[in-house]
Amino acid sequence: MGHWWVRNIVEPGKLPLLLALTAFVLTFVATRVITRLIRAGRGPFGNVEAGGLHIHHAVPGVVLTVVGGFGAVASDRHGAGGILAAVVFGVGAGLVLDEFALILHLDDVYWSAEGRKSVEVVVVTAALVGLLLAGFAPFGVNDLSQQELQDRGSVLGTVAMNFLFSLVALSKGKARIAVFGVIVPVVALVGALRLARPGSLWARRFYGRRPRARARAALRAYHHDRRWAGPSRALQDWIGGRPDPGPARLPDHR
């Protein structure tokens, strides 16, 4: 175990990334536990206020993220400074992304249905960082041989092709697949080959005069959402807490 730890974590310089991910996840979990206790009126915790102003935890999170980010850039990733900066950055990122929905909507939607976006973003972020820790490189560069890595043409071609697959998947309304496809190229390829979601940029551009393609896309999206929307909401509620009942918030197009 010790040999594996040194060879796969310490020597490649992945220890700061591992500590940042650990701090990120633990901070998110601790924050959700505390906010749920505050919501239930239990425990010694309460909202932080200054002069009648509610200080959201994204505020200290931004400060810690900035401090940790600049500290990591200025430090040696193999030294104690880099490790400390990674932990600070992970804590800050956990606090900020826990209120991602609030930042997105510029409104306190923490306990609304829109607040589920924060949980989704945190889960996706943790999964992507976990893939990086496992050795995956963006745009599939890790799949190249040493000889191919020495050839700039092969590297640039691989990056461009996988980036194109991710862009196509994104234009088809498959944002999560596009994001994961940056790390695992075959995922982006699958997203690029499948039908676009109704209302996506690709569907508006290429399905306008193809009623059968529009109908197939709408039917596939309906079955997909019907199958996965319920379990997805249940998982998000289990992680982040059930939102308050109420009508959905209309999007702000300002």
C-alpha atoms as a PDB file:
ATOM      1  CA  MET A   1       0.000   0.000   0.000  1.00  0.00           C
ATOM      2  CA  GLY A   2       2.815   2.391   0.887  1.00  0.00           C
ATOM      3  CA  HIS A   3       4.579   1.725  -2.420  1.00  0.00           C
ATOM      4  CA  TRP A   4       1.352   2.333  -4.352  1.00  0.00           C
ATOM      5  CA  TRP A   5       0.768   5.581  -2.459  1.00  0.00           C
ATOM      6  CA  VAL A   6       4.238   6.919  -3.236  1.00  0.00           C
ATOM      7  CA  ARG A   7       4.255   5.780  -6.863  1.00  0.00           C
ATOM      8  CA  ASN A   8       0.719   6.894  -7.833  1.00  0.00           C
ATOM      9  CA  ILE A   9       0.049   9.875  -5.552  1.00  0.00           C
ATOM     10  CA  VAL A  10       3.228  11.389  -4.142  1.00  0.00           C
ATOM     11  CA  GLU A  11       5.676  11.040  -7.058  1.00  0.00           C
ATOM     12  CA  PRO A  12       3.293  12.347  -9.774  1.00  0.00           C
ATOM     13  CA  GLY A  13       2.502  15.337  -7.531  1.00  0.00           C
ATOM     14  CA  LYS A  14      -1.159  14.378  -7.064  1.00  0.00           C
ATOM     15  CA  LEU A  15      -1.204  14.763  -3.282  1.00  0.00           C
ATOM     16  CA  PRO A  16      -2.389  18.426  -3.416  1.00  0.00           C
ATOM     17  CA  LEU A  17      -5.163  17.451  -5.826  1.00  0.00           C
ATOM     18  CA  LEU A  18      -6.252  14.594  -3.557  1.00  0.00           C
ATOM     19  CA  LEU A  19      -6.258  16.845  -0.494  1.00  0.00           C
ATOM     20  CA  ALA A  20      -8.148  19.566  -2.377  1.00  0.00           C
ATOM     21  CA  LEU A  21     -10.796  17.038  -3.439  1.00  0.00           C
ATOM     22  CA  THR A  22     -11.061  15.654   0.100  1.00  0.00           C
ATOM     23  CA  ALA A  23     -11.404  19.142   1.580  1.00  0.00           C
ATOM     24  CA  PHE A  24     -13.947  20.034  -1.105  1.00  0.00           C
ATOM     25  CA  VAL A  25     -16.185  17.024  -0.409  1.00  0.00           C
ATOM     26  CA  LEU A  26     -15.893  17.229   3.395  1.00  0.00           C
ATOM     27  CA  THR A  27     -16.657  20.960   3.341  1.00  0.00           C
ATOM     28  CA  PHE A  28     -19.746  20.417   1.208  1.00  0.00           C
ATOM     29  CA  VAL A  29     -20.982  17.597   3.455  1.00  0.00           C
ATOM     30  CA  ALA A  30     -20.349  19.596   6.638  1.00  0.00           C
ATOM     31  CA  THR A  31     -22.024  22.683   5.161  1.00  0.00           C
ATOM     32  CA  ARG A  32     -25.111  20.737   4.133  1.00  0.00           C
ATOM     33  CA  VAL A  33     -25.373  19.111   7.551  1.00  0.00           C
ATOM     34  CA  ILE A  34     -25.143  22.485   9.292  1.00  0.00           C
ATOM     35  CA  THR A  35     -27.612  24.217   6.981  1.00  0.00           C
ATOM     36  CA  ARG A  36     -30.095  21.375   7.386  1.00  0.00           C
ATOM     37  CA  LEU A  37     -29.790  21.642  11.164  1.00  0.00           C
ATOM     38  CA  ILE A  38     -30.364  25.404  10.950  1.00  0.00           C
ATOM     39  CA  ARG A  39     -33.376  24.810   8.737  1.00  0.00           C
ATOM     40  CA  ALA A  40     -34.806  22.319  11.247  1.00  0.00           C
ATOM     41  CA  GLY A  41     -34.079  24.648  14.185  1.00  0.00           C
ATOM     42  CA  ARG A  42     -31.792  22.125  15.851  1.00  0.00           C
ATOM     43  CA  GLY A  43     -28.293  22.401  17.248  1.00  0.00           C
ATOM     44  CA  PRO A  44     -26.226  25.425  18.210  1.00  0.00           C
ATOM     45  CA  PHE A  45     -25.827  26.750  14.676  1.00  0.00           C
ATOM     46  CA  GLY A  46     -27.410  29.811  13.133  1.00  0.00           C
ATOM     47  CA  ASN A  47     -27.166  32.137  10.170  1.00  0.00           C
ATOM     48  CA  VAL A  48     -24.231  34.545  10.088  1.00  0.00           C
ATOM     49  CA  GLU A  49     -25.385  38.150  10.025  1.00  0.00           C
ATOM     50  CA  ALA A  50     -23.627  41.502  10.196  1.00  0.00           C
ATOM     51  CA  GLY A  51     -25.661  44.654  10.673  1.00  0.00           C
ATOM     52  CA  GLY A  52     -28.824  42.845   9.623  1.00  0.00           C
ATOM     53  CA  LEU A  53     -27.163  41.520   6.460  1.00  0.00           C
ATOM     54  CA  HIS A  54     -27.183  37.757   5.932  1.00  0.00           C
ATOM     55  CA  ILE A  55     -23.658  36.662   5.032  1.00  0.00           C
ATOM     56  CA  HIS A  56     -23.917  33.662   2.726  1.00  0.00           C
ATOM     57  CA  HIS A  57     -21.147  31.097   3.074  1.00  0.00           C
ATOM     58  CA  ALA A  58     -20.211  31.674  -0.563  1.00  0.00           C
ATOM     59  CA  VAL A  59     -18.616  34.957   0.583  1.00  0.00           C
ATOM     60  CA  PRO A  60     -15.870  33.408   2.759  1.00  0.00           C
ATOM     61  CA  GLY A  61     -15.722  30.657   0.140  1.00  0.00           C
ATOM     62  CA  VAL A  62     -14.703  33.158  -2.535  1.00  0.00           C
ATOM     63  CA  VAL A  63     -12.018  34.578  -0.248  1.00  0.00           C
ATOM     64  CA  LEU A  64     -10.612  31.117   0.532  1.00  0.00           C
ATOM     65  CA  THR A  65     -10.728  30.091  -3.135  1.00  0.00           C
ATOM     66  CA  VAL A  66      -8.777  33.193  -4.168  1.00  0.00           C
ATOM     67  CA  VAL A  67      -6.220  32.736  -1.384  1.00  0.00           C
ATOM     68  CA  GLY A  68      -5.830  29.020  -2.060  1.00  0.00           C
ATOM     69  CA  GLY A  69      -5.652  29.474  -5.831  1.00  0.00           C
ATOM     70  CA  PHE A  70      -2.956  32.133  -5.770  1.00  0.00           C
ATOM     71  CA  GLY A  71      -1.152  30.234  -3.024  1.00  0.00           C
ATOM     72  CA  ALA A  72      -1.118  27.081  -5.153  1.00  0.00           C
ATOM     73  CA  VAL A  73       0.249  28.983  -8.155  1.00  0.00           C
ATOM     74  CA  ALA A  74       3.010  30.502  -6.056  1.00  0.00           C
ATOM     75  CA  SER A  75       3.921  27.277  -4.232  1.00  0.00           C
ATOM     76  CA  ASP A  76       5.750  24.092  -5.053  1.00  0.00           C
ATOM     77  CA  ARG A  77       3.154  21.340  -5.400  1.00  0.00           C
ATOM     78  CA  HIS A  78       5.533  18.920  -3.684  1.00  0.00           C
ATOM     79  CA  GLY A  79       6.047  21.241  -0.697  1.00  0.00           C
ATOM     80  CA  ALA A  80       4.035  22.042   2.429  1.00  0.00           C
ATOM     81  CA  GLY A  81       2.910  25.373   0.984  1.00  0.00           C
ATOM     82  CA  GLY A  82       1.288  23.713  -2.016  1.00  0.00           C
ATOM     83  CA  ILE A  83      -0.458  21.191   0.226  1.00  0.00           C
ATOM     84  CA  LEU A  84      -1.830  23.919   2.507  1.00  0.00           C
ATOM     85  CA  ALA A  85      -2.956  26.001  -0.474  1.00  0.00           C
ATOM     86  CA  ALA A  86      -4.738  22.965  -1.956  1.00  0.00           C
ATOM     87  CA  VAL A  87      -6.678  22.379   1.264  1.00  0.00           C
ATOM     88  CA  VAL A  88      -7.645  26.055   1.505  1.00  0.00           C
ATOM     89  CA  PHE A  89      -8.741  26.038  -2.126  1.00  0.00           C
ATOM     90  CA  GLY A  90     -10.801  22.869  -1.631  1.00  0.00           C
ATOM     91  CA  VAL A  91     -12.593  24.339   1.390  1.00  0.00           C
ATOM     92  CA  GLY A  92     -13.323  27.559  -0.483  1.00  0.00           C
ATOM     93  CA  ALA A  93     -14.560  25.741  -3.588  1.00  0.00           C
ATOM     94  CA  GLY A  94     -16.858  23.597  -1.444  1.00  0.00           C
ATOM     95  CA  LEU A  95     -18.430  26.669   0.145  1.00  0.00           C
ATOM     96  CA  VAL A  96     -18.835  28.471  -3.187  1.00  0.00           C
ATOM     97  CA  LEU A  97     -20.301  25.581  -5.189  1.00  0.00           C
ATOM     98  CA  ASP A  98     -22.685  24.731  -2.372  1.00  0.00           C
ATOM     99  CA  GLU A  99     -24.367  28.033  -3.304  1.00  0.00           C
ATOM    100  CA  PHE A 100     -23.861  27.727  -7.044  1.00  0.00           C
ATOM    101  CA  ALA A 101     -27.617  28.031  -7.675  1.00  0.00           C
ATOM    102  CA  LEU A 102     -27.723  31.273  -5.701  1.00  0.00           C
ATOM    103  CA  ILE A 103     -24.923  32.712  -7.845  1.00  0.00           C
ATOM    104  CA  LEU A 104     -26.579  31.459 -11.038  1.00  0.00           C
ATOM    105  CA  HIS A 105     -29.995  32.943 -10.271  1.00  0.00           C
ATOM    106  CA  LEU A 106     -28.759  35.932  -8.250  1.00  0.00           C
ATOM    107  CA  ASP A 107     -31.445  35.012  -5.730  1.00  0.00           C
ATOM    108  CA  ASP A 108     -31.644  32.953  -2.543  1.00  0.00           C
ATOM    109  CA  VAL A 109     -32.912  29.706  -4.055  1.00  0.00           C
ATOM    110  CA  TYR A 110     -30.975  27.469  -1.649  1.00  0.00           C
ATOM    111  CA  TRP A 111     -34.039  25.521  -0.462  1.00  0.00           C
ATOM    112  CA  SER A 112     -36.020  25.741  -3.685  1.00  0.00           C
ATOM    113  CA  ALA A 113     -36.164  23.288  -6.574  1.00  0.00           C
ATOM    114  CA  GLU A 114     -33.619  25.442  -8.417  1.00  0.00           C
ATOM    115  CA  GLY A 115     -31.229  24.864  -5.518  1.00  0.00           C
ATOM    116  CA  ARG A 116     -30.725  21.289  -6.717  1.00  0.00           C
ATOM    117  CA  LYS A 117     -28.340  22.718  -9.318  1.00  0.00           C
ATOM    118  CA  SER A 118     -25.802  23.271  -6.540  1.00  0.00           C
ATOM    119  CA  VAL A 119     -25.860  19.586  -5.602  1.00  0.00           C
ATOM    120  CA  GLU A 120     -25.571  18.558  -9.237  1.00  0.00           C
ATOM    121  CA  VAL A 121     -22.591  20.847  -9.851  1.00  0.00           C
ATOM    122  CA  VAL A 122     -20.814  19.587  -6.717  1.00  0.00           C
ATOM    123  CA  VAL A 123     -21.322  15.932  -7.715  1.00  0.00           C
ATOM    124  CA  VAL A 124     -20.101  16.570 -11.273  1.00  0.00           C
ATOM    125  CA  THR A 125     -17.072  18.520 -10.025  1.00  0.00           C
ATOM    126  CA  ALA A 126     -16.093  15.792  -7.560  1.00  0.00           C
ATOM    127  CA  ALA A 127     -16.473  13.141 -10.265  1.00  0.00           C
ATOM    128  CA  LEU A 128     -14.314  15.067 -12.736  1.00  0.00           C
ATOM    129  CA  VAL A 129     -11.559  15.649 -10.178  1.00  0.00           C
ATOM    130  CA  GLY A 130     -11.756  11.971  -9.259  1.00  0.00           C
ATOM    131  CA  LEU A 131     -11.173  11.055 -12.914  1.00  0.00           C
ATOM    132  CA  LEU A 132      -8.144  13.340 -13.005  1.00  0.00           C
ATOM    133  CA  LEU A 133      -6.815  11.624  -9.891  1.00  0.00           C
ATOM    134  CA  ALA A 134      -7.372   8.238 -11.524  1.00  0.00           C
ATOM    135  CA  GLY A 135      -5.024   9.279 -14.320  1.00  0.00           C
ATOM    136  CA  PHE A 136      -7.335  10.508 -17.047  1.00  0.00           C
ATOM    137  CA  ALA A 137      -6.011  13.478 -18.992  1.00  0.00           C
ATOM    138  CA  PRO A 138      -8.222  16.053 -20.734  1.00  0.00           C
ATOM    139  CA  PHE A 139      -9.076  15.362 -24.389  1.00  0.00           C
ATOM    140  CA  GLY A 140      -7.716  11.816 -24.246  1.00  0.00           C
ATOM    141  CA  VAL A 141      -4.035  12.680 -24.336  1.00  0.00           C
ATOM    142  CA  ASN A 142      -3.450   9.871 -21.828  1.00  0.00           C
ATOM    143  CA  ASP A 143      -4.466   7.361 -24.548  1.00  0.00           C
ATOM    144  CA  LEU A 144      -1.462   8.227 -26.713  1.00  0.00           C
ATOM    145  CA  SER A 145       1.723   6.191 -26.727  1.00  0.00           C
ATOM    146  CA  GLN A 146       5.083   7.726 -25.859  1.00  0.00           C
ATOM    147  CA  GLN A 147       5.981   7.885 -29.552  1.00  0.00           C
ATOM    148  CA  GLU A 148       2.695   9.660 -30.339  1.00  0.00           C
ATOM    149  CA  LEU A 149       3.228  12.076 -27.467  1.00  0.00           C
ATOM    150  CA  GLN A 150       6.511  13.121 -29.061  1.00  0.00           C
ATOM    151  CA  ASP A 151       4.689  13.928 -32.282  1.00  0.00           C
ATOM    152  CA  ARG A 152       3.014  17.331 -31.920  1.00  0.00           C
ATOM    153  CA  GLY A 153       0.757  16.614 -34.865  1.00  0.00           C
ATOM    154  CA  SER A 154      -0.722  13.529 -33.187  1.00  0.00           C
ATOM    155  CA  VAL A 155      -1.274  15.365 -29.919  1.00  0.00           C
ATOM    156  CA  LEU A 156      -2.874  18.406 -31.536  1.00  0.00           C
ATOM    157  CA  GLY A 157      -5.040  16.199 -33.761  1.00  0.00           C
ATOM    158  CA  THR A 158      -6.278  14.148 -30.810  1.00  0.00           C
ATOM    159  CA  VAL A 159      -7.051  17.252 -28.747  1.00  0.00           C
ATOM    160  CA  ALA A 160      -8.861  18.950 -31.647  1.00  0.00           C
ATOM    161  CA  MET A 161     -10.935  15.873 -32.482  1.00  0.00           C
ATOM    162  CA  ASN A 162     -12.017  15.235 -28.903  1.00  0.00           C
ATOM    163  CA  PHE A 163     -12.721  18.929 -28.377  1.00  0.00           C
ATOM    164  CA  LEU A 164     -14.943  18.841 -31.473  1.00  0.00           C
ATOM    165  CA  PHE A 165     -16.850  15.828 -30.113  1.00  0.00           C
ATOM    166  CA  SER A 166     -17.435  17.693 -26.846  1.00  0.00           C
ATOM    167  CA  LEU A 167     -18.664  20.796 -28.701  1.00  0.00           C
ATOM    168  CA  VAL A 168     -21.101  18.705 -30.776  1.00  0.00           C
ATOM    169  CA  ALA A 169     -22.429  17.004 -27.640  1.00  0.00           C
ATOM    170  CA  LEU A 170     -22.841  20.404 -25.991  1.00  0.00           C
ATOM    171  CA  SER A 171     -24.688  21.800 -29.019  1.00  0.00           C
ATOM    172  CA  LYS A 172     -27.031  18.799 -28.805  1.00  0.00           C
ATOM    173  CA  GLY A 173     -28.063  19.853 -25.307  1.00  0.00           C
ATOM    174  CA  LYS A 174     -25.979  17.212 -23.514  1.00  0.00           C
ATOM    175  CA  ALA A 175     -23.983  19.430 -21.176  1.00  0.00           C
ATOM    176  CA  ARG A 176     -22.980  16.756 -18.657  1.00  0.00           C
ATOM    177  CA  ILE A 177     -21.869  14.364 -21.394  1.00  0.00           C
ATOM    178  CA  ALA A 178     -19.850  17.170 -23.004  1.00  0.00           C
ATOM    179  CA  VAL A 179     -18.113  17.985 -19.722  1.00  0.00           C
ATOM    180  CA  PHE A 180     -17.256  14.368 -18.935  1.00  0.00           C
ATOM    181  CA  GLY A 181     -16.257  13.887 -22.562  1.00  0.00           C
ATOM    182  CA  VAL A 182     -13.422  16.352 -22.074  1.00  0.00           C
ATOM    183  CA  ILE A 183     -11.857  13.838 -19.673  1.00  0.00           C
ATOM    184  CA  VAL A 184     -13.124  10.590 -21.232  1.00  0.00           C
ATOM    185  CA  PRO A 185     -13.296  11.110 -25.022  1.00  0.00           C
ATOM    186  CA  VAL A 186     -15.497   8.076 -25.763  1.00  0.00           C
ATOM    187  CA  VAL A 187     -18.239   9.707 -23.685  1.00  0.00           C
ATOM    188  CA  ALA A 188     -18.166  12.800 -25.906  1.00  0.00           C
ATOM    189  CA  LEU A 189     -18.241  10.583 -28.992  1.00  0.00           C
ATOM    190  CA  VAL A 190     -21.411   8.862 -27.757  1.00  0.00           C
ATOM    191  CA  GLY A 191     -23.014  12.242 -27.048  1.00  0.00           C
ATOM    192  CA  ALA A 192     -22.022  13.532 -30.464  1.00  0.00           C
ATOM    193  CA  LEU A 193     -23.577  10.543 -32.267  1.00  0.00           C
ATOM    194  CA  ARG A 194     -26.884  10.426 -30.390  1.00  0.00           C
ATOM    195  CA  LEU A 195     -29.971  12.459 -31.220  1.00  0.00           C
ATOM    196  CA  ALA A 196     -30.041  16.049 -29.990  1.00  0.00           C
ATOM    197  CA  ARG A 197     -32.425  17.123 -27.263  1.00  0.00           C
ATOM    198  CA  PRO A 198     -35.442  19.168 -28.430  1.00  0.00           C
ATOM    199  CA  GLY A 199     -34.777  22.885 -28.263  1.00  0.00           C
ATOM    200  CA  SER A 200     -31.010  22.488 -28.413  1.00  0.00           C
ATOM    201  CA  LEU A 201     -28.886  24.470 -30.850  1.00  0.00           C
ATOM    202  CA  TRP A 202     -28.299  21.369 -32.993  1.00  0.00           C
ATOM    203  CA  ALA A 203     -32.017  20.515 -33.102  1.00  0.00           C
ATOM    204  CA  ARG A 204     -32.986  24.035 -34.136  1.00  0.00           C
ATOM    205  CA  ARG A 205     -30.321  24.091 -36.843  1.00  0.00           C
ATOM    206  CA  PHE A 206     -30.594  20.595 -38.331  1.00  0.00           C
ATOM    207  CA  TYR A 207     -34.044  19.260 -37.375  1.00  0.00           C
ATOM    208  CA  GLY A 208     -36.044  22.236 -38.614  1.00  0.00           C
ATOM    209  CA  ARG A 209     -37.022  20.523 -41.871  1.00  0.00           C
ATOM    210  CA  ARG A 210     -36.884  16.973 -40.534  1.00  0.00           C
ATOM    211  CA  PRO A 211     -40.160  16.298 -38.685  1.00  0.00           C
ATOM    212  CA  ARG A 212     -39.347  12.627 -38.156  1.00  0.00           C
ATOM    213  CA  ALA A 213     -36.019  13.489 -36.513  1.00  0.00           C
ATOM    214  CA  ARG A 214     -37.783  16.072 -34.318  1.00  0.00           C
ATOM    215  CA  ALA A 215     -40.385  13.514 -33.282  1.00  0.00           C
ATOM    216  CA  ARG A 216     -37.745  10.870 -32.485  1.00  0.00           C
ATOM    217  CA  ALA A 217     -35.712  13.385 -30.480  1.00  0.00           C
ATOM    218  CA  ALA A 218     -38.759  14.494 -28.488  1.00  0.00           C
ATOM    219  CA  LEU A 219     -39.806  10.885 -27.790  1.00  0.00           C
ATOM    220  CA  ARG A 220     -36.308   9.865 -26.698  1.00  0.00           C
ATOM    221  CA  ALA A 221     -36.004  12.921 -24.431  1.00  0.00           C
ATOM    222  CA  TYR A 222     -39.413  12.160 -22.905  1.00  0.00           C
ATOM    223  CA  HIS A 223     -38.523   8.553 -22.091  1.00  0.00           C
ATOM    224  CA  HIS A 224     -35.093   9.565 -20.776  1.00  0.00           C
ATOM    225  CA  ASP A 225     -36.500  12.241 -18.464  1.00  0.00           C
ATOM    226  CA  ARG A 226     -39.305   9.986 -17.297  1.00  0.00           C
ATOM    227  CA  ARG A 227     -36.829   7.247 -16.420  1.00  0.00           C
ATOM    228  CA  TRP A 228     -34.127   9.326 -14.742  1.00  0.00           C
ATOM    229  CA  ALA A 229     -35.763  12.521 -13.429  1.00  0.00           C
ATOM    230  CA  GLY A 230     -37.289  10.808 -10.390  1.00  0.00           C
ATOM    231  CA  PRO A 231     -34.159   8.931  -9.225  1.00  0.00           C
ATOM    232  CA  SER A 232     -32.031  12.019  -9.907  1.00  0.00           C
ATOM    233  CA  ARG A 233     -34.274  14.230  -7.762  1.00  0.00           C
ATOM    234  CA  ALA A 234     -34.356  11.600  -5.010  1.00  0.00           C
ATOM    235  CA  LEU A 235     -30.548  11.402  -4.946  1.00  0.00           C
ATOM    236  CA  GLN A 236     -30.190  15.198  -4.910  1.00  0.00           C
ATOM    237  CA  ASP A 237     -32.745  15.477  -2.095  1.00  0.00           C
ATOM    238  CA  TRP A 238     -30.887  12.825  -0.102  1.00  0.00           C
ATOM    239  CA  ILE A 239     -27.581  14.657  -0.521  1.00  0.00           C
ATOM    240  CA  GLY A 240     -28.710  18.266  -0.227  1.00  0.00           C
ATOM    241  CA  GLY A 241     -32.083  18.121   1.492  1.00  0.00           C
ATOM    242  CA  ARG A 242     -35.615  18.261   0.146  1.00  0.00           C
ATOM    243  CA  PRO A 243     -36.513  21.687  -1.273  1.00  0.00           C
ATOM    244  CA  ASP A 244     -39.433  23.718   0.018  1.00  0.00           C
ATOM    245  CA  PRO A 245     -42.735  23.081  -1.785  1.00  0.00           C
ATOM    246  CA  GLY A 246     -43.786  25.843  -4.107  1.00  0.00           C
ATOM    247  CA  PRO A 247     -44.061  26.860  -7.742  1.00  0.00           C
ATOM    248  CA  ALA A 248     -40.966  26.730  -9.882  1.00  0.00           C
ATOM    249  CA  ARG A 249     -39.131  29.992 -10.304  1.00  0.00           C
ATOM    250  CA  LEU A 250     -39.502  31.508 -13.750  1.00  0.00           C
ATOM    251  CA  PRO A 251     -36.209  32.158 -15.569  1.00  0.00           C
ATOM    252  CA  ASP A 252     -34.892  35.702 -15.565  1.00  0.00           C
ATOM    253  CA  HIS A 253     -33.990  36.818 -19.097  1.00  0.00           C
ATOM    254  CA  ARG A 254     -32.593  40.189 -18.140  1.00  0.00           C
END
